[in-house]
Amino acid sequence: MSETGLMKAMKSATLLRMSKRAAIGAVVLAGGCVNVTAPDKPIVINLNINITQEVVYRLDGEAKTLIQQNPGIF
């Protein structure tokens, strides 16, 4: 039976977590210290989003004729 992509990804993620834990454990056993600090500057995320909208309308022939005959109706 072959592994699916999902199964391979799950195994890979598990190995990565285990290797991170092993590295942290080695630092702690060696008497080292791990410092985690917040950044001095805020994190900026630039999102360039372009939204366009297209409106499509169709008039039936009778409505189109009525509007042409009475341009002040609207």
PDB file of N, CA and C in Angstrom:
ATOM      1  N   MET A   1       0.855  -1.168   0.000  1.00  0.00           N
ATOM      2  CA  MET A   1       0.000   0.000   0.000  1.00  0.00           C
ATOM      3  C   MET A   1       0.905   1.236   0.000  1.00  0.00           C
ATOM      4  N   SER A   2       0.625   2.205  -0.888  1.00  0.00           N
ATOM      5  CA  SER A   2       1.476   3.393  -0.960  1.00  0.00           C
ATOM      6  C   SER A   2       0.949   4.484  -0.036  1.00  0.00           C
ATOM      7  N   GLU A   3       1.863   5.342   0.398  1.00  0.00           N
ATOM      8  CA  GLU A   3       1.495   6.442   1.284  1.00  0.00           C
ATOM      9  C   GLU A   3       0.895   7.578   0.463  1.00  0.00           C
ATOM     10  N   THR A   4      -0.092   8.219   1.039  1.00  0.00           N
ATOM     11  CA  THR A   4      -0.656   9.396   0.390  1.00  0.00           C
ATOM     12  C   THR A   4       0.196  10.602   0.744  1.00  0.00           C
ATOM     13  N   GLY A   5      -0.010  11.698   0.034  1.00  0.00           N
ATOM     14  CA  GLY A   5       0.713  12.929   0.313  1.00  0.00           C
ATOM     15  C   GLY A   5       0.458  13.423   1.722  1.00  0.00           C
ATOM     16  N   LEU A   6      -0.771  13.243   2.193  1.00  0.00           N
ATOM     17  CA  LEU A   6      -1.124  13.679   3.542  1.00  0.00           C
ATOM     18  C   LEU A   6      -0.352  12.888   4.586  1.00  0.00           C
ATOM     19  N   MET A   7      -0.246  11.591   4.387  1.00  0.00           N
ATOM     20  CA  MET A   7       0.476  10.745   5.344  1.00  0.00           C
ATOM     21  C   MET A   7       1.959  11.119   5.376  1.00  0.00           C
ATOM     22  N   LYS A   8       2.542  11.385   4.199  1.00  0.00           N
ATOM     23  CA  LYS A   8       3.951  11.779   4.144  1.00  0.00           C
ATOM     24  C   LYS A   8       4.157  13.105   4.856  1.00  0.00           C
ATOM     25  N   ALA A   9       3.242  14.054   4.657  1.00  0.00           N
ATOM     26  CA  ALA A   9       3.349  15.365   5.303  1.00  0.00           C
ATOM     27  C   ALA A   9       3.233  15.229   6.814  1.00  0.00           C
ATOM     28  N   MET A  10       2.330  14.358   7.269  1.00  0.00           N
ATOM     29  CA  MET A  10       2.156  14.166   8.711  1.00  0.00           C
ATOM     30  C   MET A  10       3.418  13.562   9.332  1.00  0.00           C
ATOM     31  N   LYS A  11       4.020  12.591   8.649  1.00  0.00           N
ATOM     32  CA  LYS A  11       5.248  11.975   9.159  1.00  0.00           C
ATOM     33  C   LYS A  11       6.367  13.005   9.196  1.00  0.00           C
ATOM     34  N   SER A  12       6.468  13.813   8.145  1.00  0.00           N
ATOM     35  CA  SER A  12       7.499  14.832   8.079  1.00  0.00           C
ATOM     36  C   SER A  12       7.338  15.857   9.194  1.00  0.00           C
ATOM     37  N   ALA A  13       6.116  16.292   9.458  1.00  0.00           N
ATOM     38  CA  ALA A  13       5.848  17.263  10.518  1.00  0.00           C
ATOM     39  C   ALA A  13       6.176  16.673  11.879  1.00  0.00           C
ATOM     40  N   THR A  14       5.874  15.399  12.080  1.00  0.00           N
ATOM     41  CA  THR A  14       6.169  14.738  13.354  1.00  0.00           C
ATOM     42  C   THR A  14       7.675  14.656  13.571  1.00  0.00           C
ATOM     43  N   LEU A  15       8.413  14.318  12.529  1.00  0.00           N
ATOM     44  CA  LEU A  15       9.876  14.245  12.648  1.00  0.00           C
ATOM     45  C   LEU A  15      10.463  15.616  12.934  1.00  0.00           C
ATOM     46  N   LEU A  16       9.914  16.646  12.320  1.00  0.00           N
ATOM     47  CA  LEU A  16      10.406  18.004  12.552  1.00  0.00           C
ATOM     48  C   LEU A  16      10.176  18.420  13.996  1.00  0.00           C
ATOM     49  N   ARG A  17       8.982  18.122  14.527  1.00  0.00           N
ATOM     50  CA  ARG A  17       8.701  18.443  15.936  1.00  0.00           C
ATOM     51  C   ARG A  17       9.636  17.694  16.858  1.00  0.00           C
ATOM     52  N   MET A  18       9.886  16.424  16.541  1.00  0.00           N
ATOM     53  CA  MET A  18      10.772  15.627  17.386  1.00  0.00           C
ATOM     54  C   MET A  18      12.187  16.175  17.342  1.00  0.00           C
ATOM     55  N   SER A  19      12.657  16.612  16.171  1.00  0.00           N
ATOM     56  CA  SER A  19      14.021  17.119  16.077  1.00  0.00           C
ATOM     57  C   SER A  19      14.147  18.457  16.789  1.00  0.00           C
ATOM     58  N   LYS A  20      13.109  19.292  16.761  1.00  0.00           N
ATOM     59  CA  LYS A  20      13.129  20.555  17.510  1.00  0.00           C
ATOM     60  C   LYS A  20      13.196  20.281  19.004  1.00  0.00           C
ATOM     61  N   ARG A  21      12.403  19.338  19.462  1.00  0.00           N
ATOM     62  CA  ARG A  21      12.411  18.996  20.888  1.00  0.00           C
ATOM     63  C   ARG A  21      13.767  18.444  21.308  1.00  0.00           C
ATOM     64  N   ALA A  22      14.370  17.631  20.455  1.00  0.00           N
ATOM     65  CA  ALA A  22      15.676  17.060  20.770  1.00  0.00           C
ATOM     66  C   ALA A  22      16.727  18.162  20.851  1.00  0.00           C
ATOM     67  N   ALA A  23      16.662  19.136  19.965  1.00  0.00           N
ATOM     68  CA  ALA A  23      17.629  20.239  19.980  1.00  0.00           C
ATOM     69  C   ALA A  23      17.472  21.074  21.244  1.00  0.00           C
ATOM     70  N   ILE A  24      16.254  21.380  21.628  1.00  0.00           N
ATOM     71  CA  ILE A  24      16.008  22.149  22.853  1.00  0.00           C
ATOM     72  C   ILE A  24      16.471  21.350  24.071  1.00  0.00           C
ATOM     73  N   GLY A  25      16.186  20.072  24.071  1.00  0.00           N
ATOM     74  CA  GLY A  25      16.626  19.216  25.178  1.00  0.00           C
ATOM     75  C   GLY A  25      18.138  19.188  25.293  1.00  0.00           C
ATOM     76  N   ALA A  26      18.852  19.152  24.166  1.00  0.00           N
ATOM     77  CA  ALA A  26      20.314  19.140  24.188  1.00  0.00           C
ATOM     78  C   ALA A  26      20.859  20.443  24.766  1.00  0.00           C
ATOM     79  N   VAL A  27      20.237  21.568  24.419  1.00  0.00           N
ATOM     80  CA  VAL A  27      20.675  22.864  24.945  1.00  0.00           C
ATOM     81  C   VAL A  27      20.446  22.924  26.452  1.00  0.00           C
ATOM     82  N   VAL A  28      19.303  22.457  26.897  1.00  0.00           N
ATOM     83  CA  VAL A  28      18.993  22.478  28.330  1.00  0.00           C
ATOM     84  C   VAL A  28      19.949  21.568  29.096  1.00  0.00           C
ATOM     85  N   LEU A  29      20.214  20.381  28.570  1.00  0.00           N
ATOM     86  CA  LEU A  29      21.132  19.455  29.244  1.00  0.00           C
ATOM     87  C   LEU A  29      22.555  19.994  29.269  1.00  0.00           C
ATOM     88  N   ALA A  30      22.926  20.761  28.271  1.00  0.00           N
ATOM     89  CA  ALA A  30      24.277  21.318  28.219  1.00  0.00           C
ATOM     90  C   ALA A  30      24.409  22.524  29.142  1.00  0.00           C
ATOM     91  N   GLY A  31      23.319  22.925  29.785  1.00  0.00           N
ATOM     92  CA  GLY A  31      23.373  24.038  30.725  1.00  0.00           C
ATOM     93  C   GLY A  31      23.167  25.377  30.052  1.00  0.00           C
ATOM     94  N   GLY A  32      22.698  25.384  28.832  1.00  0.00           N
ATOM     95  CA  GLY A  32      22.481  26.627  28.106  1.00  0.00           C
ATOM     96  C   GLY A  32      21.164  27.268  28.484  1.00  0.00           C
ATOM     97  N   CYS A  33      20.975  28.447  27.995  1.00  0.00           N
ATOM     98  CA  CYS A  33      19.758  29.190  28.290  1.00  0.00           C
ATOM     99  C   CYS A  33      19.149  29.651  26.976  1.00  0.00           C
ATOM    100  N   VAL A  34      17.845  29.542  26.857  1.00  0.00           N
ATOM    101  CA  VAL A  34      17.144  29.970  25.653  1.00  0.00           C
ATOM    102  C   VAL A  34      16.327  31.198  26.001  1.00  0.00           C
ATOM    103  N   ASN A  35      16.597  32.324  25.310  1.00  0.00           N
ATOM    104  CA  ASN A  35      15.840  33.562  25.518  1.00  0.00           C
ATOM    105  C   ASN A  35      14.938  33.822  24.325  1.00  0.00           C
ATOM    106  N   VAL A  36      13.698  34.141  24.610  1.00  0.00           N
ATOM    107  CA  VAL A  36      12.749  34.501  23.571  1.00  0.00           C
ATOM    108  C   VAL A  36      12.241  35.893  23.896  1.00  0.00           C
ATOM    109  N   THR A  37      12.458  36.837  22.982  1.00  0.00           N
ATOM    110  CA  THR A  37      12.020  38.209  23.224  1.00  0.00           C
ATOM    111  C   THR A  37      11.151  38.694  22.085  1.00  0.00           C
ATOM    112  N   ALA A  38      10.285  39.646  22.391  1.00  0.00           N
ATOM    113  CA  ALA A  38       9.411  40.236  21.380  1.00  0.00           C
ATOM    114  C   ALA A  38      10.212  41.239  20.554  1.00  0.00           C
ATOM    115  N   PRO A  39       9.851  41.442  19.301  1.00  0.00           N
ATOM    116  CA  PRO A  39      10.576  42.412  18.475  1.00  0.00           C
ATOM    117  C   PRO A  39      10.336  43.839  18.962  1.00  0.00           C
ATOM    118  N   ASP A  40      11.315  44.733  18.719  1.00  0.00           N
ATOM    119  CA  ASP A  40      11.196  46.136  19.122  1.00  0.00           C
ATOM    120  C   ASP A  40      10.185  46.885  18.266  1.00  0.00           C
ATOM    121  N   LYS A  41      10.161  46.563  16.993  1.00  0.00           N
ATOM    122  CA  LYS A  41       9.265  47.250  16.054  1.00  0.00           C
ATOM    123  C   LYS A  41       8.065  46.354  15.764  1.00  0.00           C
ATOM    124  N   PRO A  42       6.915  46.958  15.453  1.00  0.00           N
ATOM    125  CA  PRO A  42       5.745  46.137  15.114  1.00  0.00           C
ATOM    126  C   PRO A  42       5.950  45.398  13.794  1.00  0.00           C
ATOM    127  N   ILE A  43       5.306  44.285  13.671  1.00  0.00           N
ATOM    128  CA  ILE A  43       5.361  43.502  12.438  1.00  0.00           C
ATOM    129  C   ILE A  43       4.377  44.122  11.453  1.00  0.00           C
ATOM    130  N   VAL A  44       4.868  44.421  10.250  1.00  0.00           N
ATOM    131  CA  VAL A  44       4.040  45.059   9.231  1.00  0.00           C
ATOM    132  C   VAL A  44       3.776  44.053   8.122  1.00  0.00           C
ATOM    133  N   ILE A  45       2.520  43.901   7.783  1.00  0.00           N
ATOM    134  CA  ILE A  45       2.131  43.014   6.687  1.00  0.00           C
ATOM    135  C   ILE A  45       1.428  43.861   5.644  1.00  0.00           C
ATOM    136  N   ASN A  46       2.020  43.961   4.463  1.00  0.00           N
ATOM    137  CA  ASN A  46       1.420  44.733   3.375  1.00  0.00           C
ATOM    138  C   ASN A  46       0.591  43.799   2.494  1.00  0.00           C
ATOM    139  N   LEU A  47      -0.673  44.116   2.369  1.00  0.00           N
ATOM    140  CA  LEU A  47      -1.554  43.340   1.506  1.00  0.00           C
ATOM    141  C   LEU A  47      -2.000  44.227   0.353  1.00  0.00           C
ATOM    142  N   ASN A  48      -1.526  43.930  -0.822  1.00  0.00           N
ATOM    143  CA  ASN A  48      -1.949  44.672  -2.001  1.00  0.00           C
ATOM    144  C   ASN A  48      -3.131  43.925  -2.619  1.00  0.00           C
ATOM    145  N   ILE A  49      -4.312  44.472  -2.412  1.00  0.00           N
ATOM    146  CA  ILE A  49      -5.529  43.811  -2.872  1.00  0.00           C
ATOM    147  C   ILE A  49      -6.220  44.710  -3.881  1.00  0.00           C
ATOM    148  N   ASN A  50      -6.547  44.161  -5.012  1.00  0.00           N
ATOM    149  CA  ASN A  50      -7.249  44.897  -6.045  1.00  0.00           C
ATOM    150  C   ASN A  50      -8.598  44.214  -6.263  1.00  0.00           C
ATOM    151  N   ILE A  51      -9.655  44.940  -5.983  1.00  0.00           N
ATOM    152  CA  ILE A  51     -11.003  44.388  -6.136  1.00  0.00           C
ATOM    153  C   ILE A  51     -11.694  45.117  -7.272  1.00  0.00           C
ATOM    154  N   THR A  52     -12.155  44.363  -8.218  1.00  0.00           N
ATOM    155  CA  THR A  52     -12.915  44.950  -9.327  1.00  0.00           C
ATOM    156  C   THR A  52     -14.278  44.282  -9.369  1.00  0.00           C
ATOM    157  N   GLN A  53     -15.227  45.045  -9.816  1.00  0.00           N
ATOM    158  CA  GLN A  53     -16.584  44.519  -9.897  1.00  0.00           C
ATOM    159  C   GLN A  53     -17.126  44.829 -11.280  1.00  0.00           C
ATOM    160  N   GLU A  54     -17.772  43.878 -11.851  1.00  0.00           N
ATOM    161  CA  GLU A  54     -18.369  44.055 -13.162  1.00  0.00           C
ATOM    162  C   GLU A  54     -19.870  43.847 -13.023  1.00  0.00           C
ATOM    163  N   VAL A  55     -20.620  44.823 -13.492  1.00  0.00           N
ATOM    164  CA  VAL A  55     -22.069  44.734 -13.417  1.00  0.00           C
ATOM    165  C   VAL A  55     -22.597  44.510 -14.837  1.00  0.00           C
ATOM    166  N   VAL A  56     -23.336  43.455 -14.985  1.00  0.00           N
ATOM    167  CA  VAL A  56     -23.912  43.118 -16.284  1.00  0.00           C
ATOM    168  C   VAL A  56     -25.424  43.234 -16.163  1.00  0.00           C
ATOM    169  N   TYR A  57     -26.009  43.983 -17.074  1.00  0.00           N
ATOM    170  CA  TYR A  57     -27.467  44.106 -17.037  1.00  0.00           C
ATOM    171  C   TYR A  57     -28.026  43.848 -18.427  1.00  0.00           C
ATOM    172  N   ARG A  58     -29.218  43.339 -18.443  1.00  0.00           N
ATOM    173  CA  ARG A  58     -29.932  43.070 -19.693  1.00  0.00           C
ATOM    174  C   ARG A  58     -31.361  43.547 -19.521  1.00  0.00           C
ATOM    175  N   LEU A  59     -31.840  44.233 -20.510  1.00  0.00           N
ATOM    176  CA  LEU A  59     -33.226  44.676 -20.497  1.00  0.00           C
ATOM    177  C   LEU A  59     -33.988  43.891 -21.551  1.00  0.00           C
ATOM    178  N   ASP A  60     -35.190  43.560 -21.218  1.00  0.00           N
ATOM    179  CA  ASP A  60     -35.972  42.897 -22.245  1.00  0.00           C
ATOM    180  C   ASP A  60     -36.436  43.964 -23.233  1.00  0.00           C
ATOM    181  N   GLY A  61     -36.750  43.565 -24.421  1.00  0.00           N
ATOM    182  CA  GLY A  61     -37.054  44.500 -25.514  1.00  0.00           C
ATOM    183  C   GLY A  61     -38.140  45.498 -25.164  1.00  0.00           C
ATOM    184  N   GLU A  62     -39.188  45.069 -24.495  1.00  0.00           N
ATOM    185  CA  GLU A  62     -40.312  45.942 -24.161  1.00  0.00           C
ATOM    186  C   GLU A  62     -39.870  47.027 -23.168  1.00  0.00           C
ATOM    187  N   ALA A  63     -39.075  46.657 -22.163  1.00  0.00           N
ATOM    188  CA  ALA A  63     -38.590  47.624 -21.181  1.00  0.00           C
ATOM    189  C   ALA A  63     -37.654  48.623 -21.848  1.00  0.00           C
ATOM    190  N   LYS A  64     -36.816  48.155 -22.756  1.00  0.00           N
ATOM    191  CA  LYS A  64     -35.874  49.033 -23.459  1.00  0.00           C
ATOM    192  C   LYS A  64     -36.625  50.058 -24.290  1.00  0.00           C
ATOM    193  N   THR A  65     -37.656  49.634 -24.985  1.00  0.00           N
ATOM    194  CA  THR A  65     -38.467  50.543 -25.802  1.00  0.00           C
ATOM    195  C   THR A  65     -39.176  51.565 -24.921  1.00  0.00           C
ATOM    196  N   LEU A  66     -39.716  51.151 -23.796  1.00  0.00           N
ATOM    197  CA  LEU A  66     -40.401  52.042 -22.870  1.00  0.00           C
ATOM    198  C   LEU A  66     -39.454  53.119 -22.338  1.00  0.00           C
ATOM    199  N   ILE A  67     -38.245  52.746 -22.002  1.00  0.00           N
ATOM    200  CA  ILE A  67     -37.262  53.709 -21.498  1.00  0.00           C
ATOM    201  C   ILE A  67     -36.864  54.694 -22.596  1.00  0.00           C
ATOM    202  N   GLN A  68     -36.721  54.200 -23.822  1.00  0.00           N
ATOM    203  CA  GLN A  68     -36.345  55.093 -24.931  1.00  0.00           C
ATOM    204  C   GLN A  68     -37.468  56.085 -25.236  1.00  0.00           C
ATOM    205  N   GLN A  69     -38.693  55.655 -25.090  1.00  0.00           N
ATOM    206  CA  GLN A  69     -39.833  56.538 -25.368  1.00  0.00           C
ATOM    207  C   GLN A  69     -40.029  57.557 -24.231  1.00  0.00           C
ATOM    208  N   ASN A  70     -39.659  57.212 -23.020  1.00  0.00           N
ATOM    209  CA  ASN A  70     -39.807  58.095 -21.843  1.00  0.00           C
ATOM    210  C   ASN A  70     -38.456  58.275 -21.151  1.00  0.00           C
ATOM    211  N   PRO A  71     -37.555  59.110 -21.677  1.00  0.00           N
ATOM    212  CA  PRO A  71     -36.223  59.231 -21.093  1.00  0.00           C
ATOM    213  C   PRO A  71     -36.238  59.811 -19.676  1.00  0.00           C
ATOM    214  N   GLY A  72     -37.257  60.552 -19.280  1.00  0.00           N
ATOM    215  CA  GLY A  72     -37.313  61.117 -17.933  1.00  0.00           C
ATOM    216  C   GLY A  72     -37.919  60.186 -16.910  1.00  0.00           C
ATOM    217  N   ILE A  73     -38.145  58.942 -17.251  1.00  0.00           N
ATOM    218  CA  ILE A  73     -38.802  58.006 -16.337  1.00  0.00           C
ATOM    219  C   ILE A  73     -37.934  57.716 -15.103  1.00  0.00           C
ATOM    220  N   PHE A  74     -36.618  57.818 -15.270  1.00  0.00           N
ATOM    221  CA  PHE A  74     -35.728  57.598 -14.137  1.00  0.00           C
ATOM    222  C   PHE A  74     -35.157  58.906 -13.737  1.00  0.00           C
TER     223      PHE A  74
END
